[in-house]
């Protein structure tokens, strides 16, 4: 009975190892590499979009500050704001 149990355990472990190795081997096929590259490129493109959106938001906010100062007739000095830490 013990031998049958260990045979079953061995078969199960062997099947899991073969399955894992097959998946890993498929990652190194041309289609697997292409899939991996497309996912990486998609992540990079999304990161760049987020960065560009953040920069645009910052530019819009800064432009509104400048327009508000102009509308109030204040002298707007970027150097003074940079020294005060408002920038």
PDB file of N, CA and C in Angstrom:
ATOM      1  N   UNK A   1       0.815  -1.191   0.000  1.00  0.00           N
ATOM      2  CA  UNK A   1       0.000   0.000   0.000  1.00  0.00           C
ATOM      3  C   UNK A   1       0.861   1.257   0.000  1.00  0.00           C
ATOM      4  N   UNK A   2       1.966   1.255   0.782  1.00  0.00           N
ATOM      5  CA  UNK A   2       2.856   2.419   0.813  1.00  0.00           C
ATOM      6  C   UNK A   2       3.463   2.676  -0.558  1.00  0.00           C
ATOM      7  N   UNK A   3       3.808   1.612  -1.237  1.00  0.00           N
ATOM      8  CA  UNK A   3       4.427   1.766  -2.558  1.00  0.00           C
ATOM      9  C   UNK A   3       3.458   2.432  -3.537  1.00  0.00           C
ATOM     10  N   UNK A   4       2.218   2.071  -3.462  1.00  0.00           N
ATOM     11  CA  UNK A   4       1.211   2.658  -4.341  1.00  0.00           C
ATOM     12  C   UNK A   4       1.030   4.146  -4.036  1.00  0.00           C
ATOM     13  N   UNK A   5       1.049   4.492  -2.751  1.00  0.00           N
ATOM     14  CA  UNK A   5       0.946   5.894  -2.350  1.00  0.00           C
ATOM     15  C   UNK A   5       2.124   6.694  -2.899  1.00  0.00           C
ATOM     16  N   UNK A   6       3.337   6.178  -2.715  1.00  0.00           N
ATOM     17  CA  UNK A   6       4.523   6.896  -3.182  1.00  0.00           C
ATOM     18  C   UNK A   6       4.579   6.945  -4.710  1.00  0.00           C
ATOM     19  N   UNK A   7       4.051   5.928  -5.360  1.00  0.00           N
ATOM     20  CA  UNK A   7       3.971   5.960  -6.819  1.00  0.00           C
ATOM     21  C   UNK A   7       3.045   7.099  -7.256  1.00  0.00           C
ATOM     22  N   UNK A   8       1.911   7.238  -6.595  1.00  0.00           N
ATOM     23  CA  UNK A   8       0.971   8.319  -6.913  1.00  0.00           C
ATOM     24  C   UNK A   8       1.573   9.690  -6.660  1.00  0.00           C
ATOM     25  N   UNK A   9       2.282   9.828  -5.529  1.00  0.00           N
ATOM     26  CA  UNK A   9       2.935  11.105  -5.218  1.00  0.00           C
ATOM     27  C   UNK A   9       3.989  11.419  -6.274  1.00  0.00           C
ATOM     28  N   UNK A  10       4.764  10.420  -6.653  1.00  0.00           N
ATOM     29  CA  UNK A  10       5.801  10.614  -7.673  1.00  0.00           C
ATOM     30  C   UNK A  10       5.221  11.023  -9.016  1.00  0.00           C
ATOM     31  N   UNK A  11       4.124  10.390  -9.400  1.00  0.00           N
ATOM     32  CA  UNK A  11       3.474  10.744 -10.666  1.00  0.00           C
ATOM     33  C   UNK A  11       2.926  12.173 -10.626  1.00  0.00           C
ATOM     34  N   UNK A  12       2.335  12.546  -9.510  1.00  0.00           N
ATOM     35  CA  UNK A  12       1.780  13.902  -9.390  1.00  0.00           C
ATOM     36  C   UNK A  12       2.886  14.947  -9.448  1.00  0.00           C
ATOM     37  N   UNK A  13       3.972  14.709  -8.705  1.00  0.00           N
ATOM     38  CA  UNK A  13       5.091  15.657  -8.714  1.00  0.00           C
ATOM     39  C   UNK A  13       5.714  15.718 -10.099  1.00  0.00           C
ATOM     40  N   UNK A  14       5.866  14.571 -10.738  1.00  0.00           N
ATOM     41  CA  UNK A  14       6.427  14.536 -12.089  1.00  0.00           C
ATOM     42  C   UNK A  14       5.573  15.306 -13.079  1.00  0.00           C
ATOM     43  N   UNK A  15       4.264  15.146 -12.972  1.00  0.00           N
ATOM     44  CA  UNK A  15       3.358  15.863 -13.878  1.00  0.00           C
ATOM     45  C   UNK A  15       3.453  17.368 -13.655  1.00  0.00           C
ATOM     46  N   UNK A  16       3.532  17.790 -12.402  1.00  0.00           N
ATOM     47  CA  UNK A  16       3.658  19.225 -12.108  1.00  0.00           C
ATOM     48  C   UNK A  16       4.969  19.792 -12.647  1.00  0.00           C
ATOM     49  N   UNK A  17       6.057  19.025 -12.500  1.00  0.00           N
ATOM     50  CA  UNK A  17       7.357  19.488 -12.994  1.00  0.00           C
ATOM     51  C   UNK A  17       7.334  19.606 -14.514  1.00  0.00           C
ATOM     52  N   UNK A  18       6.784  18.603 -15.189  1.00  0.00           N
ATOM     53  CA  UNK A  18       6.711  18.646 -16.653  1.00  0.00           C
ATOM     54  C   UNK A  18       5.863  19.830 -17.104  1.00  0.00           C
ATOM     55  N   UNK A  19       4.759  20.060 -16.432  1.00  0.00           N
ATOM     56  CA  UNK A  19       3.876  21.178 -16.789  1.00  0.00           C
ATOM     57  C   UNK A  19       4.589  22.521 -16.612  1.00  0.00           C
ATOM     58  N   UNK A  20       5.298  22.665 -15.496  1.00  0.00           N
ATOM     59  CA  UNK A  20       6.029  23.909 -15.215  1.00  0.00           C
ATOM     60  C   UNK A  20       7.138  24.127 -16.249  1.00  0.00           C
ATOM     61  N   UNK A  21       7.884  23.071 -16.567  1.00  0.00           N
ATOM     62  CA  UNK A  21       8.962  23.192 -17.553  1.00  0.00           C
ATOM     63  C   UNK A  21       8.419  23.506 -18.944  1.00  0.00           C
ATOM     64  N   UNK A  22       7.276  22.945 -19.287  1.00  0.00           N
ATOM     65  CA  UNK A  22       6.673  23.223 -20.592  1.00  0.00           C
ATOM     66  C   UNK A  22       6.277  24.692 -20.696  1.00  0.00           C
ATOM     67  N   UNK A  23       5.691  25.226 -19.636  1.00  0.00           N
ATOM     68  CA  UNK A  23       5.330  26.654 -19.642  1.00  0.00           C
ATOM     69  C   UNK A  23       6.568  27.529 -19.764  1.00  0.00           C
ATOM     70  N   UNK A  24       7.610  27.166 -19.027  1.00  0.00           N
ATOM     71  CA  UNK A  24       8.846  27.951 -19.065  1.00  0.00           C
ATOM     72  C   UNK A  24       9.476  27.877 -20.457  1.00  0.00           C
ATOM     73  N   UNK A  25       9.453  26.704 -21.078  1.00  0.00           N
ATOM     74  CA  UNK A  25      10.017  26.544 -22.419  1.00  0.00           C
ATOM     75  C   UNK A  25       9.232  27.363 -23.441  1.00  0.00           C
ATOM     76  N   UNK A  26       7.924  27.463 -23.263  1.00  0.00           N
ATOM     77  CA  UNK A  26       7.100  28.248 -24.192  1.00  0.00           C
ATOM     78  C   UNK A  26       7.420  29.735 -24.119  1.00  0.00           C
ATOM     79  N   UNK A  27       7.930  30.196 -22.985  1.00  0.00           N
ATOM     80  CA  UNK A  27       8.306  31.606 -22.866  1.00  0.00           C
ATOM     81  C   UNK A  27       9.484  31.955 -23.771  1.00  0.00           C
ATOM     82  N   UNK A  28      10.284  30.962 -24.136  1.00  0.00           N
ATOM     83  CA  UNK A  28      11.470  31.213 -24.945  1.00  0.00           C
ATOM     84  C   UNK A  28      11.259  30.915 -26.425  1.00  0.00           C
ATOM     85  N   UNK A  29      10.037  30.610 -26.812  1.00  0.00           N
ATOM     86  CA  UNK A  29       9.736  30.459 -28.231  1.00  0.00           C
ATOM     87  C   UNK A  29       9.536  31.853 -28.826  1.00  0.00           C
ATOM     88  N   UNK A  30       9.621  31.982 -30.140  1.00  0.00           N
ATOM     89  CA  UNK A  30       9.425  33.307 -30.746  1.00  0.00           C
ATOM     90  C   UNK A  30       8.093  33.958 -30.362  1.00  0.00           C
ATOM     91  N   UNK A  31       7.025  33.187 -30.323  1.00  0.00           N
ATOM     92  CA  UNK A  31       5.734  33.787 -29.958  1.00  0.00           C
ATOM     93  C   UNK A  31       5.707  34.182 -28.483  1.00  0.00           C
ATOM     94  N   UNK A  32       6.362  33.393 -27.634  1.00  0.00           N
ATOM     95  CA  UNK A  32       6.430  33.740 -26.212  1.00  0.00           C
ATOM     96  C   UNK A  32       7.228  35.006 -25.979  1.00  0.00           C
ATOM     97  N   UNK A  33       8.328  35.140 -26.699  1.00  0.00           N
ATOM     98  CA  UNK A  33       9.155  36.344 -26.578  1.00  0.00           C
ATOM     99  C   UNK A  33       8.391  37.558 -27.107  1.00  0.00           C
ATOM    100  N   UNK A  34       7.684  37.378 -28.221  1.00  0.00           N
ATOM    101  CA  UNK A  34       6.905  38.485 -28.784  1.00  0.00           C
ATOM    102  C   UNK A  34       5.817  38.941 -27.813  1.00  0.00           C
ATOM    103  N   UNK A  35       5.168  38.004 -27.173  1.00  0.00           N
ATOM    104  CA  UNK A  35       4.135  38.347 -26.189  1.00  0.00           C
ATOM    105  C   UNK A  35       4.733  39.125 -25.029  1.00  0.00           C
ATOM    106  N   UNK A  36       5.870  38.650 -24.548  1.00  0.00           N
ATOM    107  CA  UNK A  36       6.537  39.320 -23.428  1.00  0.00           C
ATOM    108  C   UNK A  36       6.949  40.741 -23.806  1.00  0.00           C
ATOM    109  N   UNK A  37       7.498  40.908 -24.995  1.00  0.00           N
ATOM    110  CA  UNK A  37       7.916  42.237 -25.444  1.00  0.00           C
ATOM    111  C   UNK A  37       6.726  43.176 -25.621  1.00  0.00           C
ATOM    112  N   UNK A  38       5.636  42.654 -26.153  1.00  0.00           N
ATOM    113  CA  UNK A  38       4.469  43.523 -26.357  1.00  0.00           C
ATOM    114  C   UNK A  38       3.884  43.966 -25.022  1.00  0.00           C
ATOM    115  N   UNK A  39       3.906  43.092 -24.020  1.00  0.00           N
ATOM    116  CA  UNK A  39       3.418  43.478 -22.695  1.00  0.00           C
ATOM    117  C   UNK A  39       4.337  44.524 -22.075  1.00  0.00           C
ATOM    118  N   UNK A  40       5.644  44.348 -22.244  1.00  0.00           N
ATOM    119  CA  UNK A  40       6.592  45.323 -21.695  1.00  0.00           C
ATOM    120  C   UNK A  40       6.443  46.674 -22.387  1.00  0.00           C
ATOM    121  N   UNK A  41       6.304  46.647 -23.703  1.00  0.00           N
ATOM    122  CA  UNK A  41       6.145  47.894 -24.453  1.00  0.00           C
ATOM    123  C   UNK A  41       4.839  48.583 -24.068  1.00  0.00           C
ATOM    124  N   UNK A  42       3.797  47.813 -23.854  1.00  0.00           N
ATOM    125  CA  UNK A  42       2.517  48.396 -23.440  1.00  0.00           C
ATOM    126  C   UNK A  42       2.633  49.092 -22.100  1.00  0.00           C
ATOM    127  N   UNK A  43       3.381  48.501 -21.184  1.00  0.00           N
ATOM    128  CA  UNK A  43       3.593  49.130 -19.880  1.00  0.00           C
ATOM    129  C   UNK A  43       4.391  50.407 -19.995  1.00  0.00           C
ATOM    130  N   UNK A  44       5.388  50.405 -20.881  1.00  0.00           N
ATOM    131  CA  UNK A  44       6.212  51.595 -21.090  1.00  0.00           C
ATOM    132  C   UNK A  44       5.384  52.722 -21.695  1.00  0.00           C
ATOM    133  N   UNK A  45       4.563  52.386 -22.668  1.00  0.00           N
ATOM    134  CA  UNK A  45       3.718  53.397 -23.311  1.00  0.00           C
ATOM    135  C   UNK A  45       2.756  54.002 -22.287  1.00  0.00           C
ATOM    136  N   UNK A  46       2.181  53.167 -21.437  1.00  0.00           N
ATOM    137  CA  UNK A  46       1.251  53.669 -20.419  1.00  0.00           C
ATOM    138  C   UNK A  46       1.972  54.575 -19.426  1.00  0.00           C
ATOM    139  N   UNK A  47       3.194  54.222 -19.060  1.00  0.00           N
ATOM    140  CA  UNK A  47       3.975  55.071 -18.150  1.00  0.00           C
ATOM    141  C   UNK A  47       4.267  56.423 -18.785  1.00  0.00           C
ATOM    142  N   UNK A  48       4.601  56.423 -20.065  1.00  0.00           N
ATOM    143  CA  UNK A  48       4.879  57.679 -20.757  1.00  0.00           C
ATOM    144  C   UNK A  48       3.616  58.542 -20.836  1.00  0.00           C
ATOM    145  N   UNK A  49       2.478  57.915 -21.096  1.00  0.00           N
ATOM    146  CA  UNK A  49       1.219  58.675 -21.147  1.00  0.00           C
ATOM    147  C   UNK A  49       0.931  59.331 -19.803  1.00  0.00           C
ATOM    148  N   UNK A  50       1.136  58.589 -18.744  1.00  0.00           N
ATOM    149  CA  UNK A  50       0.904  59.131 -17.408  1.00  0.00           C
ATOM    150  C   UNK A  50       1.830  60.302 -17.139  1.00  0.00           C
ATOM    151  N   UNK A  51       3.099  60.164 -17.514  1.00  0.00           N
ATOM    152  CA  UNK A  51       4.071  61.237 -17.322  1.00  0.00           C
ATOM    153  C   UNK A  51       3.663  62.487 -18.095  1.00  0.00           C
ATOM    154  N   UNK A  52       3.304  62.313 -19.361  1.00  0.00           N
ATOM    155  CA  UNK A  52       2.913  63.454 -20.197  1.00  0.00           C
ATOM    156  C   UNK A  52       1.665  64.124 -19.627  1.00  0.00           C
ATOM    157  N   UNK A  53       0.709  63.330 -19.162  1.00  0.00           N
ATOM    158  CA  UNK A  53      -0.498  63.910 -18.554  1.00  0.00           C
ATOM    159  C   UNK A  53      -0.157  64.712 -17.304  1.00  0.00           C
ATOM    160  N   UNK A  54       0.764  64.205 -16.484  1.00  0.00           N
ATOM    161  CA  UNK A  54       1.177  64.933 -15.279  1.00  0.00           C
ATOM    162  C   UNK A  54       1.856  66.252 -15.635  1.00  0.00           C
ATOM    163  N   UNK A  55       2.694  66.235 -16.661  1.00  0.00           N
ATOM    164  CA  UNK A  55       3.373  67.461 -17.087  1.00  0.00           C
ATOM    165  C   UNK A  55       2.356  68.472 -17.606  1.00  0.00           C
ATOM    166  N   UNK A  56       1.394  68.000 -18.387  1.00  0.00           N
ATOM    167  CA  UNK A  56       0.354  68.905 -18.904  1.00  0.00           C
ATOM    168  C   UNK A  56      -0.459  69.520 -17.769  1.00  0.00           C
ATOM    169  N   UNK A  57      -0.789  68.704 -16.777  1.00  0.00           N
ATOM    170  CA  UNK A  57      -1.536  69.233 -15.627  1.00  0.00           C
ATOM    171  C   UNK A  57      -0.731  70.304 -14.905  1.00  0.00           C
ATOM    172  N   UNK A  58       0.564  70.068 -14.745  1.00  0.00           N
ATOM    173  CA  UNK A  58       1.430  71.054 -14.097  1.00  0.00           C
ATOM    174  C   UNK A  58       1.526  72.338 -14.897  1.00  0.00           C
ATOM    175  N   UNK A  59       1.622  72.195 -16.217  1.00  0.00           N
ATOM    176  CA  UNK A  59       1.692  73.383 -17.072  1.00  0.00           C
ATOM    177  C   UNK A  59       0.397  74.184 -16.989  1.00  0.00           C
ATOM    178  N   UNK A  60      -0.728  73.497 -16.991  1.00  0.00           N
ATOM    179  CA  UNK A  60      -2.026  74.170 -16.906  1.00  0.00           C
ATOM    180  C   UNK A  60      -2.164  74.909 -15.581  1.00  0.00           C
ATOM    181  N   UNK A  61      -1.759  74.261 -14.501  1.00  0.00           N
ATOM    182  CA  UNK A  61      -1.826  74.902 -13.185  1.00  0.00           C
ATOM    183  C   UNK A  61      -0.942  76.140 -13.133  1.00  0.00           C
ATOM    184  N   UNK A  62       0.245  76.029 -13.669  1.00  0.00           N
ATOM    185  CA  UNK A  62       1.179  77.165 -13.655  1.00  0.00           C
ATOM    186  C   UNK A  62       0.641  78.310 -14.511  1.00  0.00           C
ATOM    187  N   UNK A  63       0.067  77.971 -15.654  1.00  0.00           N
ATOM    188  CA  UNK A  63      -0.496  78.999 -16.529  1.00  0.00           C
ATOM    189  C   UNK A  63      -1.648  79.731 -15.837  1.00  0.00           C
ATOM    190  N   UNK A  64      -2.466  78.998 -15.101  1.00  0.00           N
ATOM    191  CA  UNK A  64      -3.566  79.624 -14.364  1.00  0.00           C
ATOM    192  C   UNK A  64      -3.038  80.568 -13.291  1.00  0.00           C
ATOM    193  N   UNK A  65      -1.962  80.188 -12.624  1.00  0.00           N
ATOM    194  CA  UNK A  65      -1.359  81.065 -11.617  1.00  0.00           C
ATOM    195  C   UNK A  65      -0.868  82.363 -12.250  1.00  0.00           C
ATOM    196  N   UNK A  66      -0.227  82.235 -13.386  1.00  0.00           N
ATOM    197  CA  UNK A  66       0.300  83.420 -14.072  1.00  0.00           C
ATOM    198  C   UNK A  66      -0.845  84.311 -14.547  1.00  0.00           C
ATOM    199  N   UNK A  67      -1.891  83.707 -15.129  1.00  0.00           N
ATOM    200  CA  UNK A  67      -3.028  84.495 -15.604  1.00  0.00           C
ATOM    201  C   UNK A  67      -3.753  85.180 -14.452  1.00  0.00           C
ATOM    202  N   UNK A  68      -3.868  84.505 -13.323  1.00  0.00           N
ATOM    203  CA  UNK A  68      -4.514  85.106 -12.156  1.00  0.00           C
ATOM    204  C   UNK A  68      -3.709  86.304 -11.657  1.00  0.00           C
ATOM    205  N   UNK A  69      -2.401  86.156 -11.597  1.00  0.00           N
ATOM    206  CA  UNK A  69      -1.557  87.268 -11.153  1.00  0.00           C
ATOM    207  C   UNK A  69      -1.666  88.435 -12.128  1.00  0.00           C
ATOM    208  N   UNK A  70      -1.721  88.142 -13.415  1.00  0.00           N
ATOM    209  CA  UNK A  70      -1.845  89.193 -14.422  1.00  0.00           C
ATOM    210  C   UNK A  70      -3.193  89.902 -14.293  1.00  0.00           C
ATOM    211  N   UNK A  71      -4.261  89.124 -14.071  1.00  0.00           N
ATOM    212  CA  UNK A  71      -5.599  89.709 -13.948  1.00  0.00           C
ATOM    213  C   UNK A  71      -5.707  90.603 -12.716  1.00  0.00           C
ATOM    214  N   UNK A  72      -4.988  90.261 -11.664  1.00  0.00           N
ATOM    215  CA  UNK A  72      -5.010  91.067 -10.442  1.00  0.00           C
ATOM    216  C   UNK A  72      -4.030  92.228 -10.512  1.00  0.00           C
ATOM    217  N   UNK A  73      -3.283  92.309 -11.598  1.00  0.00           N
ATOM    218  CA  UNK A  73      -2.349  93.405 -11.780  1.00  0.00           C
ATOM    219  C   UNK A  73      -1.074  93.262 -10.964  1.00  0.00           C
ATOM    220  N   UNK A  74      -0.793  92.053 -10.506  1.00  0.00           N
ATOM    221  CA  UNK A  74       0.423  91.833  -9.728  1.00  0.00           C
ATOM    222  C   UNK A  74       1.608  91.607 -10.658  1.00  0.00           C
ATOM    223  N   UNK A  75       2.762  91.955 -10.143  1.00  0.00           N
ATOM    224  CA  UNK A  75       3.988  91.651 -10.861  1.00  0.00           C
ATOM    225  C   UNK A  75       4.340  90.206 -10.541  1.00  0.00           C
ATOM    226  N   UNK A  76       4.389  89.392 -11.547  1.00  0.00           N
ATOM    227  CA  UNK A  76       4.638  87.969 -11.336  1.00  0.00           C
ATOM    228  C   UNK A  76       6.099  87.685 -11.613  1.00  0.00           C
ATOM    229  N   UNK A  77       6.806  87.216 -10.615  1.00  0.00           N
ATOM    230  CA  UNK A  77       8.239  86.972 -10.733  1.00  0.00           C
ATOM    231  C   UNK A  77       8.511  85.497 -10.456  1.00  0.00           C
ATOM    232  N   UNK A  78       8.890  84.761 -11.493  1.00  0.00           N
ATOM    233  CA  UNK A  78       9.182  83.337 -11.338  1.00  0.00           C
ATOM    234  C   UNK A  78      10.347  83.089 -10.396  1.00  0.00           C
ATOM    235  N   UNK A  79      11.350  83.935 -10.453  1.00  0.00           N
ATOM    236  CA  UNK A  79      12.527  83.734  -9.605  1.00  0.00           C
ATOM    237  C   UNK A  79      12.163  83.883  -8.134  1.00  0.00           C
ATOM    238  N   UNK A  80      11.319  84.839  -7.825  1.00  0.00           N
ATOM    239  CA  UNK A  80      10.902  85.032  -6.437  1.00  0.00           C
ATOM    240  C   UNK A  80      10.087  83.825  -5.965  1.00  0.00           C
ATOM    241  N   UNK A  81       9.198  83.312  -6.808  1.00  0.00           N
ATOM    242  CA  UNK A  81       8.404  82.140  -6.442  1.00  0.00           C
ATOM    243  C   UNK A  81       9.290  80.918  -6.230  1.00  0.00           C
ATOM    244  N   UNK A  82      10.311  80.780  -7.042  1.00  0.00           N
ATOM    245  CA  UNK A  82      11.215  79.645  -6.891  1.00  0.00           C
ATOM    246  C   UNK A  82      11.958  79.724  -5.562  1.00  0.00           C
ATOM    247  N   UNK A  83      12.333  80.920  -5.158  1.00  0.00           N
ATOM    248  CA  UNK A  83      13.039  81.084  -3.889  1.00  0.00           C
ATOM    249  C   UNK A  83      12.116  80.826  -2.710  1.00  0.00           C
ATOM    250  N   UNK A  84      10.848  81.155  -2.842  1.00  0.00           N
ATOM    251  CA  UNK A  84       9.886  80.949  -1.766  1.00  0.00           C
ATOM    252  C   UNK A  84       9.412  79.503  -1.695  1.00  0.00           C
ATOM    253  N   UNK A  85       9.703  78.733  -2.708  1.00  0.00           N
ATOM    254  CA  UNK A  85       9.292  77.338  -2.720  1.00  0.00           C
ATOM    255  C   UNK A  85       7.904  77.101  -3.267  1.00  0.00           C
ATOM    256  N   UNK A  86       7.332  78.085  -3.926  1.00  0.00           N
ATOM    257  CA  UNK A  86       5.993  77.935  -4.487  1.00  0.00           C
ATOM    258  C   UNK A  86       6.011  77.168  -5.791  1.00  0.00           C
ATOM    259  N   UNK A  87       7.114  76.949  -6.336  1.00  0.00           N
ATOM    260  CA  UNK A  87       7.206  76.326  -7.632  1.00  0.00           C
ATOM    261  C   UNK A  87       7.275  74.876  -7.557  1.00  0.00           C
TER     262      UNK A  87
END
